[in-house]
Protein backbone atom coordinates (compact mmCIF):
# COMPACT_ATOMS: atom_id res chain seq x y z
CA MET A 1 9.61 -26.31 5.05
CA GLU A 2 12.84 -24.73 6.16
CA PHE A 3 13.39 -22.43 9.14
CA VAL A 4 16.03 -19.70 8.82
CA ASN A 5 16.96 -16.78 11.05
CA ILE A 6 16.73 -13.18 9.87
CA HIS A 7 20.48 -12.85 9.32
CA GLN A 8 20.52 -15.93 7.05
CA ALA A 9 17.46 -14.64 5.19
CA LYS A 10 19.06 -11.24 4.55
CA THR A 11 22.39 -12.73 3.55
CA HIS A 12 20.96 -15.34 1.15
CA LEU A 13 17.69 -13.74 0.08
CA SER A 14 18.18 -14.43 -3.64
CA LYS A 15 18.89 -18.10 -2.97
CA TYR A 16 15.74 -18.51 -0.85
CA VAL A 17 13.58 -16.66 -3.39
CA ASP A 18 14.83 -18.96 -6.16
CA ARG A 19 14.14 -22.07 -4.07
CA VAL A 20 10.60 -20.94 -3.26
CA ASN A 21 9.96 -20.01 -6.89
CA LYS A 22 11.24 -23.30 -8.33
CA GLY A 23 10.17 -25.91 -5.85
CA HIS A 24 7.08 -24.57 -4.11
CA GLU A 25 9.08 -24.78 -0.88
CA ILE A 26 8.06 -22.67 2.12
CA ILE A 27 10.77 -20.74 3.96
CA VAL A 28 9.92 -19.67 7.53
CA ILE A 29 11.86 -16.69 8.85
CA CYS A 30 12.54 -16.67 12.59
CA LYS A 31 13.63 -14.07 15.11
CA ASN A 32 15.19 -15.31 18.35
CA GLY A 33 14.02 -18.82 17.45
CA SER A 34 10.34 -17.84 16.99
CA PRO A 35 8.70 -17.87 13.55
CA ILE A 36 7.63 -14.38 12.44
CA ALA A 37 7.09 -14.66 8.68
CA GLN A 38 6.97 -17.14 5.84
CA MET A 39 8.02 -16.91 2.23
CA VAL A 40 5.76 -18.72 -0.24
CA GLU A 41 5.37 -18.72 -3.99
CA TYR A 42 3.21 -15.90 -5.36
CA LYS A 43 0.12 -16.98 -7.26
CA GLU A 44 -2.00 -14.67 -9.37
CA PRO A 45 -5.50 -14.26 -7.93
CA LYS A 46 -8.23 -15.84 -10.00
CA LYS A 47 -10.22 -13.44 -12.12
CA ARG A 48 -13.87 -13.24 -11.18
CA LYS A 49 -16.40 -13.01 -13.95
CA ILE A 50 -18.79 -10.08 -13.51
CA GLY A 51 -22.45 -11.03 -13.70
CA LEU A 52 -21.91 -14.70 -12.92
CA LEU A 53 -25.15 -14.93 -10.88
CA LYS A 54 -27.23 -12.68 -13.13
CA ASN A 55 -30.85 -13.91 -13.35
CA LYS A 56 -30.16 -16.61 -10.74
CA ILE A 57 -31.03 -14.61 -7.62
CA LYS A 58 -34.53 -13.26 -7.16
CA MET A 59 -35.50 -10.61 -4.63
CA SER A 60 -39.03 -9.47 -3.81
CA LYS A 61 -39.89 -5.84 -4.45
CA ASP A 62 -40.54 -5.22 -0.74
CA PHE A 63 -37.30 -6.81 0.54
CA ASP A 64 -36.31 -3.59 2.33
CA SER A 65 -39.71 -2.69 3.81
CA GLU A 66 -40.25 -2.53 7.59
CA LEU A 67 -40.85 -5.74 9.47
CA PRO A 68 -44.31 -6.28 10.98
CA ASP A 69 -44.80 -5.40 14.66
CA TYR A 70 -45.36 -9.02 15.68
CA ILE A 71 -41.82 -9.86 14.54
CA ILE A 72 -40.16 -6.73 15.93
CA GLY A 73 -41.98 -7.14 19.25
CA ASP A 74 -40.28 -10.47 19.89
CA TYR A 75 -36.83 -8.84 19.76
CA LEU A 76 -37.45 -5.59 21.66
CA PRO A 77 -37.02 -5.52 25.46
């Protein structure tokens, strides 16, 4: 991990981008000595398969019906 100030980052942006891309290095950009951003290698998000849990989750037909009074009564003031 390398810390650089904003001026360095602007001046040598291409160099820092190449280093992050090649070596999985993290570049932290600072302003007045305090870290404000970091540059990391971009990774493509994993593709999610649609229907992965199909037929694995069961729900009763009355899952959205009102709760009985004895349950609601415990939570009302």
